[in-house]
Amino acid sequence: EVQLVESGGGLVQAGGSLRLSCVASGVAFDDYAISWFRQAPGKEREGVSCIDNSSGSTYYADSVKGRFTASRDNAKNTVYLQMNGLKPEDTAVYYCAARRYCSDYYHHAFLYSFWGQGTQVTVSS
């Protein structure tokens, strides 16, 4: 059974930083790309980033480019999302999700079968 567990969310002031972690189990981690999504109240789930399996190539939403950085440690079955320069509009529940590869369509949530439970990120102004 594939399990994804996020952690690292919290409350931070605007301009601050957080690092989210997504730990995977029950899957050959090296074979999977990991994406981060977020969902704010009353809004659709939004694809934030994707980091590919073998190449480590990354994709980012325009809204977070230059501020967020995804990385992975395959030895620890973990993907990280370093979030700098946080803004109040970044407030959301952040989820990680797994699929075989990223592609330009990584931001479509329906493509993913495996999801974590989410971690809350709140940015105060």
Foldseek 3Di string as FASTA:
>chain_A
DKAKAKDWADEEAAQAKIKMKIAIPPDQLLQKKKWKWWDDPPDDIWTAKIAFRPPRDMDGDPVQPPFWDWGDDSVRNMIMIIGGRDDQVVWTWMKMFIDRGQPPVNTDPVVTDYIHPTDTHGYHD
